[in-house]
């Protein structure tokens, strides 16, 4: 008889590895409404410009999927109490989407609902979330705006862009299956401020101001862009980190090739990629046709000559500094 697997069976590791293999870069074509509540506009600029590759472990990717799977259950729960729920656009059969700023900003709603208790005649934006016990306790104590400001901002954007005036936040504690429900009203001034913030981020040609100059500041320590932002890392190579690319209403334009770029082209970049100077931790001292030269604090120099730098890692680039 074959021996039973031990406690160190590779099955779990293989499952996690499969999630990692299937994961994409994490780069969204647009600046998401789910992110606009971030405090740091510089971090949002890095998000939108595809500066930092996200590599989540398989366990975390599976946890994200758990939250997505819970959405269908919550829709069933609402329908079971008599609510009318539209989780997709009846005309397209796809998620209900909103956008602004020429398609560069937006997101997809979890759904909209009518005939909810307390306000049966009013359509509501639906926002579904799952939480750990600790997060759920904080949410219950402070409410959505106090505990999860990014979630609050997301709902405000969705209400503003759909023209709806009410939203319902429905959260599940993953440890106890307890539900938390909160109603929110549209705050037009707040939502307009978020749209203006998105516009600043999207059309800024250079990184915006840091939330702190101190890399030890808690928000910087927790930020995935911290190595790049504070000069210890290199940006990813794609069109959005290239000095030739510009976000325009309706898409991205490359000045080097003088044409609009498809999303696939933006992700791939080209052999003539040159970093935006603000993404290089040095002083630009010279430039010519197809190259830019930098000087670093230790006296070293580096010439960016295009995609030949793809052969070296960000760490290698840092060694030149």
C-alpha atoms as a PDB file:
ATOM      1  CA  UNK A   1       0.000   0.000   0.000  1.00  0.00           C
ATOM      2  CA  UNK A   2       1.302   3.437  -0.911  1.00  0.00           C
ATOM      3  CA  UNK A   3       2.208   5.706   1.953  1.00  0.00           C
ATOM      4  CA  UNK A   4      -0.172   8.570   2.727  1.00  0.00           C
ATOM      5  CA  UNK A   5       1.066  12.069   1.978  1.00  0.00           C
ATOM      6  CA  UNK A   6       2.860  13.752   4.851  1.00  0.00           C
ATOM      7  CA  UNK A   7       2.003  17.122   6.370  1.00  0.00           C
ATOM      8  CA  UNK A   8       4.481  18.679   3.948  1.00  0.00           C
ATOM      9  CA  UNK A   9       2.566  17.453   0.887  1.00  0.00           C
ATOM     10  CA  UNK A  10       3.343  19.535  -2.208  1.00  0.00           C
ATOM     11  CA  UNK A  11      -0.342  19.707  -3.191  1.00  0.00           C
ATOM     12  CA  UNK A  12      -0.996  23.040  -1.508  1.00  0.00           C
ATOM     13  CA  UNK A  13       2.207  24.532  -2.888  1.00  0.00           C
ATOM     14  CA  UNK A  14       1.304  23.327  -6.379  1.00  0.00           C
ATOM     15  CA  UNK A  15      -2.152  24.918  -6.148  1.00  0.00           C
ATOM     16  CA  UNK A  16      -0.648  28.223  -5.047  1.00  0.00           C
ATOM     17  CA  UNK A  17       1.908  28.002  -7.858  1.00  0.00           C
ATOM     18  CA  UNK A  18      -0.908  27.486 -10.376  1.00  0.00           C
ATOM     19  CA  UNK A  19      -2.566  30.708  -9.188  1.00  0.00           C
ATOM     20  CA  UNK A  20       0.733  32.553  -9.567  1.00  0.00           C
ATOM     21  CA  UNK A  21       1.288  31.142 -13.061  1.00  0.00           C
ATOM     22  CA  UNK A  22      -2.152  32.335 -14.177  1.00  0.00           C
ATOM     23  CA  UNK A  23      -1.836  35.777 -12.643  1.00  0.00           C
ATOM     24  CA  UNK A  24      -1.244  38.742 -14.899  1.00  0.00           C
ATOM     25  CA  UNK A  25       0.859  41.802 -14.226  1.00  0.00           C
ATOM     26  CA  UNK A  26      -1.878  43.493 -12.216  1.00  0.00           C
ATOM     27  CA  UNK A  27      -1.663  46.518 -14.531  1.00  0.00           C
ATOM     28  CA  UNK A  28      -5.095  47.947 -15.306  1.00  0.00           C
ATOM     29  CA  UNK A  29      -5.685  49.844 -18.510  1.00  0.00           C
ATOM     30  CA  UNK A  30      -7.420  52.573 -16.481  1.00  0.00           C
ATOM     31  CA  UNK A  31      -7.032  54.231 -13.108  1.00  0.00           C
ATOM     32  CA  UNK A  32      -9.569  52.344 -11.006  1.00  0.00           C
ATOM     33  CA  UNK A  33     -12.264  53.911  -8.864  1.00  0.00           C
ATOM     34  CA  UNK A  34     -11.299  51.342  -6.232  1.00  0.00           C
ATOM     35  CA  UNK A  35      -7.895  53.069  -5.894  1.00  0.00           C
ATOM     36  CA  UNK A  36      -8.793  56.756  -6.082  1.00  0.00           C
ATOM     37  CA  UNK A  37      -9.313  56.975  -2.305  1.00  0.00           C
ATOM     38  CA  UNK A  38      -5.584  56.478  -1.716  1.00  0.00           C
ATOM     39  CA  UNK A  39      -4.038  59.374   0.183  1.00  0.00           C
ATOM     40  CA  UNK A  40      -0.884  59.572  -1.951  1.00  0.00           C
ATOM     41  CA  UNK A  41      -1.370  60.963  -5.458  1.00  0.00           C
ATOM     42  CA  UNK A  42       2.187  59.987  -6.350  1.00  0.00           C
ATOM     43  CA  UNK A  43       1.352  56.335  -5.633  1.00  0.00           C
ATOM     44  CA  UNK A  44      -1.727  56.647  -7.843  1.00  0.00           C
ATOM     45  CA  UNK A  45       0.449  58.110 -10.619  1.00  0.00           C
ATOM     46  CA  UNK A  46       2.790  55.116 -10.327  1.00  0.00           C
ATOM     47  CA  UNK A  47      -0.247  52.799 -10.491  1.00  0.00           C
ATOM     48  CA  UNK A  48      -1.568  54.464 -13.619  1.00  0.00           C
ATOM     49  CA  UNK A  49       1.861  54.566 -15.265  1.00  0.00           C
ATOM     50  CA  UNK A  50       2.485  50.822 -14.666  1.00  0.00           C
ATOM     51  CA  UNK A  51       5.678  51.499 -12.747  1.00  0.00           C
ATOM     52  CA  UNK A  52       5.696  48.599 -10.287  1.00  0.00           C
ATOM     53  CA  UNK A  53       4.918  44.984 -11.115  1.00  0.00           C
ATOM     54  CA  UNK A  54       2.627  43.341  -8.580  1.00  0.00           C
ATOM     55  CA  UNK A  55       3.604  39.784  -7.662  1.00  0.00           C
ATOM     56  CA  UNK A  56       1.121  38.427  -5.142  1.00  0.00           C
ATOM     57  CA  UNK A  57       1.713  34.977  -3.627  1.00  0.00           C
ATOM     58  CA  UNK A  58      -0.687  32.209  -4.622  1.00  0.00           C
ATOM     59  CA  UNK A  59      -2.360  32.135  -1.215  1.00  0.00           C
ATOM     60  CA  UNK A  60      -3.283  35.799  -1.513  1.00  0.00           C
ATOM     61  CA  UNK A  61      -4.502  35.382  -5.087  1.00  0.00           C
ATOM     62  CA  UNK A  62      -6.762  32.587  -3.905  1.00  0.00           C
ATOM     63  CA  UNK A  63      -8.032  34.847  -1.127  1.00  0.00           C
ATOM     64  CA  UNK A  64      -8.912  37.518  -3.713  1.00  0.00           C
ATOM     65  CA  UNK A  65     -10.899  34.869  -5.573  1.00  0.00           C
ATOM     66  CA  UNK A  66     -12.778  34.014  -2.377  1.00  0.00           C
ATOM     67  CA  UNK A  67     -14.019  37.597  -2.236  1.00  0.00           C
ATOM     68  CA  UNK A  68     -15.145  37.415  -5.856  1.00  0.00           C
ATOM     69  CA  UNK A  69     -16.997  34.146  -5.268  1.00  0.00           C
ATOM     70  CA  UNK A  70     -18.855  35.688  -2.322  1.00  0.00           C
ATOM     71  CA  UNK A  71     -20.443  38.284  -4.624  1.00  0.00           C
ATOM     72  CA  UNK A  72     -22.782  35.753  -6.279  1.00  0.00           C
ATOM     73  CA  UNK A  73     -23.914  34.555  -2.873  1.00  0.00           C
ATOM     74  CA  UNK A  74     -24.700  38.085  -1.713  1.00  0.00           C
ATOM     75  CA  UNK A  75     -26.750  38.672  -4.856  1.00  0.00           C
ATOM     76  CA  UNK A  76     -28.759  35.534  -4.024  1.00  0.00           C
ATOM     77  CA  UNK A  77     -29.163  36.737  -0.435  1.00  0.00           C
ATOM     78  CA  UNK A  78     -30.596  40.078  -1.572  1.00  0.00           C
ATOM     79  CA  UNK A  79     -32.965  38.437  -4.015  1.00  0.00           C
ATOM     80  CA  UNK A  80     -34.145  36.089  -1.274  1.00  0.00           C
ATOM     81  CA  UNK A  81     -35.486  39.094   0.680  1.00  0.00           C
ATOM     82  CA  UNK A  82     -37.327  40.456  -2.341  1.00  0.00           C
ATOM     83  CA  UNK A  83     -34.795  42.877  -3.772  1.00  0.00           C
ATOM     84  CA  UNK A  84     -34.403  43.378  -7.502  1.00  0.00           C
ATOM     85  CA  UNK A  85     -30.696  43.042  -8.276  1.00  0.00           C
ATOM     86  CA  UNK A  86     -28.932  43.751 -11.548  1.00  0.00           C
ATOM     87  CA  UNK A  87     -25.371  42.494 -11.341  1.00  0.00           C
ATOM     88  CA  UNK A  88     -24.874  42.953 -15.103  1.00  0.00           C
ATOM     89  CA  UNK A  89     -26.079  45.437 -17.698  1.00  0.00           C
ATOM     90  CA  UNK A  90     -29.311  43.949 -19.156  1.00  0.00           C
ATOM     91  CA  UNK A  91     -28.369  45.159 -22.642  1.00  0.00           C
ATOM     92  CA  UNK A  92     -24.755  43.981 -22.832  1.00  0.00           C
ATOM     93  CA  UNK A  93     -24.824  41.087 -20.357  1.00  0.00           C
ATOM     94  CA  UNK A  94     -21.600  42.447 -18.852  1.00  0.00           C
ATOM     95  CA  UNK A  95     -20.773  44.173 -15.597  1.00  0.00           C
ATOM     96  CA  UNK A  96     -22.126  47.696 -15.274  1.00  0.00           C
ATOM     97  CA  UNK A  97     -19.183  49.978 -15.981  1.00  0.00           C
ATOM     98  CA  UNK A  98     -18.619  53.690 -15.538  1.00  0.00           C
ATOM     99  CA  UNK A  99     -15.818  55.842 -16.881  1.00  0.00           C
ATOM    100  CA  UNK A 100     -14.540  59.400 -17.086  1.00  0.00           C
ATOM    101  CA  UNK A 101     -11.588  61.391 -18.443  1.00  0.00           C
ATOM    102  CA  UNK A 102     -11.655  59.818 -21.873  1.00  0.00           C
ATOM    103  CA  UNK A 103     -11.862  56.272 -20.516  1.00  0.00           C
ATOM    104  CA  UNK A 104      -8.714  56.593 -18.380  1.00  0.00           C
ATOM    105  CA  UNK A 105     -10.710  56.469 -15.125  1.00  0.00           C
ATOM    106  CA  UNK A 106     -13.560  54.217 -14.040  1.00  0.00           C
ATOM    107  CA  UNK A 107     -14.599  50.862 -12.719  1.00  0.00           C
ATOM    108  CA  UNK A 108     -17.174  48.077 -12.661  1.00  0.00           C
ATOM    109  CA  UNK A 109     -20.064  48.001 -10.184  1.00  0.00           C
ATOM    110  CA  UNK A 110     -20.876  44.870  -8.206  1.00  0.00           C
ATOM    111  CA  UNK A 111     -24.477  45.666  -9.097  1.00  0.00           C
ATOM    112  CA  UNK A 112     -27.468  47.902  -8.466  1.00  0.00           C
ATOM    113  CA  UNK A 113     -30.585  47.059  -6.467  1.00  0.00           C
ATOM    114  CA  UNK A 114     -34.171  48.173  -6.002  1.00  0.00           C
ATOM    115  CA  UNK A 115     -36.816  47.282  -3.397  1.00  0.00           C
ATOM    116  CA  UNK A 116     -34.383  47.191  -0.501  1.00  0.00           C
ATOM    117  CA  UNK A 117     -35.788  47.502   3.030  1.00  0.00           C
ATOM    118  CA  UNK A 118     -35.967  51.124   4.260  1.00  0.00           C
ATOM    119  CA  UNK A 119     -35.826  52.576   0.718  1.00  0.00           C
ATOM    120  CA  UNK A 120     -37.777  50.293  -1.620  1.00  0.00           C
ATOM    121  CA  UNK A 121     -38.362  52.883  -4.368  1.00  0.00           C
ATOM    122  CA  UNK A 122     -34.731  53.957  -4.756  1.00  0.00           C
ATOM    123  CA  UNK A 123     -32.060  52.307  -6.881  1.00  0.00           C
ATOM    124  CA  UNK A 124     -28.847  51.699  -4.912  1.00  0.00           C
ATOM    125  CA  UNK A 125     -25.280  51.088  -5.994  1.00  0.00           C
ATOM    126  CA  UNK A 126     -24.120  47.807  -4.461  1.00  0.00           C
ATOM    127  CA  UNK A 127     -20.638  47.331  -3.062  1.00  0.00           C
ATOM    128  CA  UNK A 128     -19.656  43.880  -1.772  1.00  0.00           C
ATOM    129  CA  UNK A 129     -16.546  43.234   0.328  1.00  0.00           C
ATOM    130  CA  UNK A 130     -15.109  40.467   2.504  1.00  0.00           C
ATOM    131  CA  UNK A 131     -13.064  41.133   5.655  1.00  0.00           C
ATOM    132  CA  UNK A 132     -10.927  39.346   8.194  1.00  0.00           C
ATOM    133  CA  UNK A 133     -12.208  39.369  11.772  1.00  0.00           C
ATOM    134  CA  UNK A 134      -9.876  42.240  12.704  1.00  0.00           C
ATOM    135  CA  UNK A 135     -10.854  44.326   9.698  1.00  0.00           C
ATOM    136  CA  UNK A 136     -14.533  43.576  10.227  1.00  0.00           C
ATOM    137  CA  UNK A 137     -14.361  44.717  13.852  1.00  0.00           C
ATOM    138  CA  UNK A 138     -12.746  47.983  12.800  1.00  0.00           C
ATOM    139  CA  UNK A 139     -15.389  48.469  10.122  1.00  0.00           C
ATOM    140  CA  UNK A 140     -18.185  47.843  12.608  1.00  0.00           C
ATOM    141  CA  UNK A 141     -16.689  50.380  15.021  1.00  0.00           C
ATOM    142  CA  UNK A 142     -15.826  53.181  12.581  1.00  0.00           C
ATOM    143  CA  UNK A 143     -18.114  52.715   9.586  1.00  0.00           C
ATOM    144  CA  UNK A 144     -17.023  52.578   5.969  1.00  0.00           C
ATOM    145  CA  UNK A 145     -15.679  56.122   5.691  1.00  0.00           C
ATOM    146  CA  UNK A 146     -13.646  55.887   8.880  1.00  0.00           C
ATOM    147  CA  UNK A 147     -12.372  52.333   8.427  1.00  0.00           C
ATOM    148  CA  UNK A 148     -12.194  51.859   4.652  1.00  0.00           C
ATOM    149  CA  UNK A 149     -11.926  55.282   2.998  1.00  0.00           C
ATOM    150  CA  UNK A 150     -10.998  53.754  -0.358  1.00  0.00           C
ATOM    151  CA  UNK A 151     -14.227  51.744  -0.354  1.00  0.00           C
ATOM    152  CA  UNK A 152     -16.189  54.859   0.559  1.00  0.00           C
ATOM    153  CA  UNK A 153     -14.561  56.805  -2.272  1.00  0.00           C
ATOM    154  CA  UNK A 154     -15.300  53.980  -4.701  1.00  0.00           C
ATOM    155  CA  UNK A 155     -19.022  54.090  -3.873  1.00  0.00           C
ATOM    156  CA  UNK A 156     -19.120  57.864  -4.197  1.00  0.00           C
ATOM    157  CA  UNK A 157     -17.571  57.691  -7.672  1.00  0.00           C
ATOM    158  CA  UNK A 158     -20.030  55.003  -8.746  1.00  0.00           C
ATOM    159  CA  UNK A 159     -23.000  57.003  -7.513  1.00  0.00           C
ATOM    160  CA  UNK A 160     -21.722  60.144  -9.173  1.00  0.00           C
ATOM    161  CA  UNK A 161     -21.074  58.540 -12.562  1.00  0.00           C
ATOM    162  CA  UNK A 162     -24.316  56.520 -12.645  1.00  0.00           C
ATOM    163  CA  UNK A 163     -26.463  59.396 -11.419  1.00  0.00           C
ATOM    164  CA  UNK A 164     -27.708  57.328  -8.460  1.00  0.00           C
ATOM    165  CA  UNK A 165     -28.034  58.929  -5.037  1.00  0.00           C
ATOM    166  CA  UNK A 166     -27.794  55.947  -2.683  1.00  0.00           C
ATOM    167  CA  UNK A 167     -25.427  53.040  -2.113  1.00  0.00           C
ATOM    168  CA  UNK A 168     -25.385  49.980   0.114  1.00  0.00           C
ATOM    169  CA  UNK A 169     -22.141  48.541   1.434  1.00  0.00           C
ATOM    170  CA  UNK A 170     -22.574  44.850   2.240  1.00  0.00           C
ATOM    171  CA  UNK A 171     -19.607  43.199   3.956  1.00  0.00           C
ATOM    172  CA  UNK A 172     -18.961  39.659   5.158  1.00  0.00           C
ATOM    173  CA  UNK A 173     -16.657  38.569   7.962  1.00  0.00           C
ATOM    174  CA  UNK A 174     -14.751  35.590   6.564  1.00  0.00           C
ATOM    175  CA  UNK A 175     -14.203  34.166  10.061  1.00  0.00           C
ATOM    176  CA  UNK A 176     -17.801  34.220  11.339  1.00  0.00           C
ATOM    177  CA  UNK A 177     -19.950  34.877   8.226  1.00  0.00           C
ATOM    178  CA  UNK A 178     -21.450  37.865  10.045  1.00  0.00           C
ATOM    179  CA  UNK A 179     -22.842  40.601   7.789  1.00  0.00           C
ATOM    180  CA  UNK A 180     -22.324  44.357   8.024  1.00  0.00           C
ATOM    181  CA  UNK A 181     -24.646  46.658   6.085  1.00  0.00           C
ATOM    182  CA  UNK A 182     -24.292  50.422   5.712  1.00  0.00           C
ATOM    183  CA  UNK A 183     -26.287  52.884   3.589  1.00  0.00           C
ATOM    184  CA  UNK A 184     -24.508  55.858   2.025  1.00  0.00           C
ATOM    185  CA  UNK A 185     -25.844  58.986   0.343  1.00  0.00           C
ATOM    186  CA  UNK A 186     -24.243  60.666  -2.646  1.00  0.00           C
ATOM    187  CA  UNK A 187     -21.911  63.507  -1.666  1.00  0.00           C
ATOM    188  CA  UNK A 188     -21.584  65.499  -4.887  1.00  0.00           C
ATOM    189  CA  UNK A 189     -18.815  67.810  -3.700  1.00  0.00           C
ATOM    190  CA  UNK A 190     -16.722  64.916  -2.389  1.00  0.00           C
ATOM    191  CA  UNK A 191     -17.222  62.904  -5.580  1.00  0.00           C
ATOM    192  CA  UNK A 192     -16.305  65.863  -7.781  1.00  0.00           C
ATOM    193  CA  UNK A 193     -13.128  66.241  -5.743  1.00  0.00           C
ATOM    194  CA  UNK A 194     -12.264  62.616  -6.483  1.00  0.00           C
ATOM    195  CA  UNK A 195     -12.853  63.168 -10.205  1.00  0.00           C
ATOM    196  CA  UNK A 196     -10.570  66.203 -10.099  1.00  0.00           C
ATOM    197  CA  UNK A 197      -7.954  64.134  -8.274  1.00  0.00           C
ATOM    198  CA  UNK A 198      -8.149  61.446 -10.957  1.00  0.00           C
ATOM    199  CA  UNK A 199      -7.691  64.084 -13.647  1.00  0.00           C
ATOM    200  CA  UNK A 200      -4.551  65.426 -11.940  1.00  0.00           C
ATOM    201  CA  UNK A 201      -3.080  61.944 -11.733  1.00  0.00           C
ATOM    202  CA  UNK A 202      -3.942  60.852 -15.269  1.00  0.00           C
ATOM    203  CA  UNK A 203      -2.694  63.891 -17.143  1.00  0.00           C
ATOM    204  CA  UNK A 204       0.333  64.752 -14.992  1.00  0.00           C
ATOM    205  CA  UNK A 205       3.493  64.376 -17.134  1.00  0.00           C
ATOM    206  CA  UNK A 206       5.650  63.782 -14.055  1.00  0.00           C
ATOM    207  CA  UNK A 207       5.172  61.995 -10.702  1.00  0.00           C
ATOM    208  CA  UNK A 208       3.126  64.038  -8.250  1.00  0.00           C
ATOM    209  CA  UNK A 209       4.280  64.995  -4.754  1.00  0.00           C
ATOM    210  CA  UNK A 210       5.081  62.293  -2.214  1.00  0.00           C
ATOM    211  CA  UNK A 211       2.846  61.968   0.819  1.00  0.00           C
ATOM    212  CA  UNK A 212       6.084  61.980   2.844  1.00  0.00           C
ATOM    213  CA  UNK A 213       9.780  62.516   2.164  1.00  0.00           C
ATOM    214  CA  UNK A 214      10.597  59.993   4.892  1.00  0.00           C
ATOM    215  CA  UNK A 215      10.757  56.401   3.561  1.00  0.00           C
ATOM    216  CA  UNK A 216      10.129  55.223   7.128  1.00  0.00           C
ATOM    217  CA  UNK A 217       6.699  56.916   7.184  1.00  0.00           C
ATOM    218  CA  UNK A 218       4.145  54.153   7.747  1.00  0.00           C
ATOM    219  CA  UNK A 219       2.262  54.735   4.493  1.00  0.00           C
ATOM    220  CA  UNK A 220       5.523  54.662   2.563  1.00  0.00           C
ATOM    221  CA  UNK A 221       6.703  51.493   4.290  1.00  0.00           C
ATOM    222  CA  UNK A 222       3.475  49.741   3.293  1.00  0.00           C
ATOM    223  CA  UNK A 223       3.473  51.036  -0.297  1.00  0.00           C
ATOM    224  CA  UNK A 224       4.508  48.682  -3.104  1.00  0.00           C
ATOM    225  CA  UNK A 225       6.052  51.648  -4.929  1.00  0.00           C
ATOM    226  CA  UNK A 226       8.366  52.584  -2.032  1.00  0.00           C
ATOM    227  CA  UNK A 227      11.627  51.311  -3.608  1.00  0.00           C
ATOM    228  CA  UNK A 228      11.004  53.282  -6.798  1.00  0.00           C
ATOM    229  CA  UNK A 229       9.579  56.345  -5.082  1.00  0.00           C
ATOM    230  CA  UNK A 230      12.497  56.752  -2.679  1.00  0.00           C
ATOM    231  CA  UNK A 231      15.245  55.982  -5.188  1.00  0.00           C
ATOM    232  CA  UNK A 232      16.148  52.357  -4.503  1.00  0.00           C
ATOM    233  CA  UNK A 233      14.351  50.642  -7.385  1.00  0.00           C
ATOM    234  CA  UNK A 234      13.763  50.814 -11.132  1.00  0.00           C
ATOM    235  CA  UNK A 235      10.444  51.230 -12.919  1.00  0.00           C
ATOM    236  CA  UNK A 236       9.028  48.547 -15.191  1.00  0.00           C
ATOM    237  CA  UNK A 237       9.650  48.726 -18.919  1.00  0.00           C
ATOM    238  CA  UNK A 238       6.524  49.536 -20.904  1.00  0.00           C
ATOM    239  CA  UNK A 239       5.162  52.459 -22.891  1.00  0.00           C
ATOM    240  CA  UNK A 240       3.707  54.185 -19.844  1.00  0.00           C
ATOM    241  CA  UNK A 241       7.142  54.613 -18.242  1.00  0.00           C
ATOM    242  CA  UNK A 242       8.589  55.967 -21.489  1.00  0.00           C
ATOM    243  CA  UNK A 243       9.169  59.663 -22.117  1.00  0.00           C
ATOM    244  CA  UNK A 244       7.625  59.360 -25.594  1.00  0.00           C
ATOM    245  CA  UNK A 245       4.146  58.340 -24.313  1.00  0.00           C
ATOM    246  CA  UNK A 246       1.367  60.732 -23.308  1.00  0.00           C
ATOM    247  CA  UNK A 247      -2.140  60.064 -22.001  1.00  0.00           C
ATOM    248  CA  UNK A 248      -4.697  61.824 -24.190  1.00  0.00           C
ATOM    249  CA  UNK A 249      -8.474  61.831 -24.113  1.00  0.00           C
ATOM    250  CA  UNK A 250      -9.390  58.380 -25.410  1.00  0.00           C
ATOM    251  CA  UNK A 251      -5.998  56.672 -25.285  1.00  0.00           C
ATOM    252  CA  UNK A 252      -2.206  56.876 -25.305  1.00  0.00           C
ATOM    253  CA  UNK A 253      -0.070  58.569 -27.943  1.00  0.00           C
ATOM    254  CA  UNK A 254       3.560  57.830 -28.793  1.00  0.00           C
ATOM    255  CA  UNK A 255       5.494  60.868 -30.002  1.00  0.00           C
ATOM    256  CA  UNK A 256       8.377  58.698 -31.254  1.00  0.00           C
ATOM    257  CA  UNK A 257       6.142  56.732 -33.633  1.00  0.00           C
ATOM    258  CA  UNK A 258       3.543  59.513 -33.947  1.00  0.00           C
ATOM    259  CA  UNK A 259       0.480  57.319 -33.446  1.00  0.00           C
ATOM    260  CA  UNK A 260      -1.959  56.064 -30.849  1.00  0.00           C
ATOM    261  CA  UNK A 261      -1.013  52.878 -29.011  1.00  0.00           C
ATOM    262  CA  UNK A 262      -3.118  49.778 -28.373  1.00  0.00           C
ATOM    263  CA  UNK A 263      -3.169  48.335 -24.871  1.00  0.00           C
ATOM    264  CA  UNK A 264      -1.068  45.372 -26.027  1.00  0.00           C
ATOM    265  CA  UNK A 265       1.524  47.729 -27.490  1.00  0.00           C
ATOM    266  CA  UNK A 266       1.625  49.734 -24.275  1.00  0.00           C
ATOM    267  CA  UNK A 267       2.327  46.596 -22.267  1.00  0.00           C
ATOM    268  CA  UNK A 268       5.059  45.388 -24.595  1.00  0.00           C
ATOM    269  CA  UNK A 269       6.872  48.664 -25.175  1.00  0.00           C
ATOM    270  CA  UNK A 270       9.430  48.902 -27.981  1.00  0.00           C
ATOM    271  CA  UNK A 271      13.175  48.941 -28.550  1.00  0.00           C
ATOM    272  CA  UNK A 272      13.202  52.737 -28.399  1.00  0.00           C
ATOM    273  CA  UNK A 273      11.899  52.926 -24.828  1.00  0.00           C
ATOM    274  CA  UNK A 274      13.524  55.694 -22.797  1.00  0.00           C
ATOM    275  CA  UNK A 275      12.608  56.187 -19.153  1.00  0.00           C
ATOM    276  CA  UNK A 276      10.812  59.313 -18.098  1.00  0.00           C
ATOM    277  CA  UNK A 277      13.703  61.208 -16.471  1.00  0.00           C
ATOM    278  CA  UNK A 278      11.736  61.552 -13.232  1.00  0.00           C
ATOM    279  CA  UNK A 279      11.813  57.741 -12.910  1.00  0.00           C
ATOM    280  CA  UNK A 280      15.624  57.600 -12.923  1.00  0.00           C
ATOM    281  CA  UNK A 281      17.303  58.306  -9.537  1.00  0.00           C
ATOM    282  CA  UNK A 282      19.856  60.681 -11.017  1.00  0.00           C
ATOM    283  CA  UNK A 283      20.340  64.049 -12.721  1.00  0.00           C
ATOM    284  CA  UNK A 284      19.807  64.287 -16.465  1.00  0.00           C
ATOM    285  CA  UNK A 285      22.978  65.845 -17.905  1.00  0.00           C
ATOM    286  CA  UNK A 286      22.751  65.237 -21.640  1.00  0.00           C
ATOM    287  CA  UNK A 287      20.518  63.803 -24.338  1.00  0.00           C
ATOM    288  CA  UNK A 288      20.566  63.045 -28.037  1.00  0.00           C
ATOM    289  CA  UNK A 289      18.641  61.151 -30.694  1.00  0.00           C
ATOM    290  CA  UNK A 290      17.563  57.971 -28.933  1.00  0.00           C
ATOM    291  CA  UNK A 291      19.467  58.379 -25.685  1.00  0.00           C
ATOM    292  CA  UNK A 292      19.502  60.235 -22.352  1.00  0.00           C
ATOM    293  CA  UNK A 293      22.481  60.405 -20.002  1.00  0.00           C
ATOM    294  CA  UNK A 294      22.311  60.690 -16.210  1.00  0.00           C
ATOM    295  CA  UNK A 295      24.763  61.465 -13.410  1.00  0.00           C
ATOM    296  CA  UNK A 296      24.274  59.980  -9.958  1.00  0.00           C
ATOM    297  CA  UNK A 297      25.163  61.152  -6.487  1.00  0.00           C
ATOM    298  CA  UNK A 298      28.303  59.009  -6.287  1.00  0.00           C
ATOM    299  CA  UNK A 299      29.663  60.474  -9.531  1.00  0.00           C
ATOM    300  CA  UNK A 300      28.664  57.522 -11.669  1.00  0.00           C
ATOM    301  CA  UNK A 301      27.006  57.946 -15.048  1.00  0.00           C
ATOM    302  CA  UNK A 302      24.474  55.942 -17.020  1.00  0.00           C
ATOM    303  CA  UNK A 303      23.220  56.349 -20.573  1.00  0.00           C
ATOM    304  CA  UNK A 304      19.701  55.148 -21.294  1.00  0.00           C
ATOM    305  CA  UNK A 305      19.821  53.986 -24.903  1.00  0.00           C
ATOM    306  CA  UNK A 306      16.571  52.064 -25.208  1.00  0.00           C
ATOM    307  CA  UNK A 307      15.490  48.517 -24.601  1.00  0.00           C
ATOM    308  CA  UNK A 308      19.013  47.185 -24.161  1.00  0.00           C
ATOM    309  CA  UNK A 309      18.375  47.901 -20.491  1.00  0.00           C
ATOM    310  CA  UNK A 310      15.782  45.101 -20.504  1.00  0.00           C
ATOM    311  CA  UNK A 311      18.737  42.731 -20.266  1.00  0.00           C
ATOM    312  CA  UNK A 312      19.589  44.095 -16.843  1.00  0.00           C
ATOM    313  CA  UNK A 313      17.424  44.065 -13.747  1.00  0.00           C
ATOM    314  CA  UNK A 314      16.412  47.037 -11.674  1.00  0.00           C
ATOM    315  CA  UNK A 315      19.087  45.994  -9.201  1.00  0.00           C
ATOM    316  CA  UNK A 316      21.677  46.208 -11.968  1.00  0.00           C
ATOM    317  CA  UNK A 317      20.520  49.694 -12.818  1.00  0.00           C
ATOM    318  CA  UNK A 318      20.896  50.654  -9.188  1.00  0.00           C
ATOM    319  CA  UNK A 319      24.470  49.300  -9.164  1.00  0.00           C
ATOM    320  CA  UNK A 320      25.307  51.892 -11.819  1.00  0.00           C
ATOM    321  CA  UNK A 321      24.286  54.604  -9.365  1.00  0.00           C
END
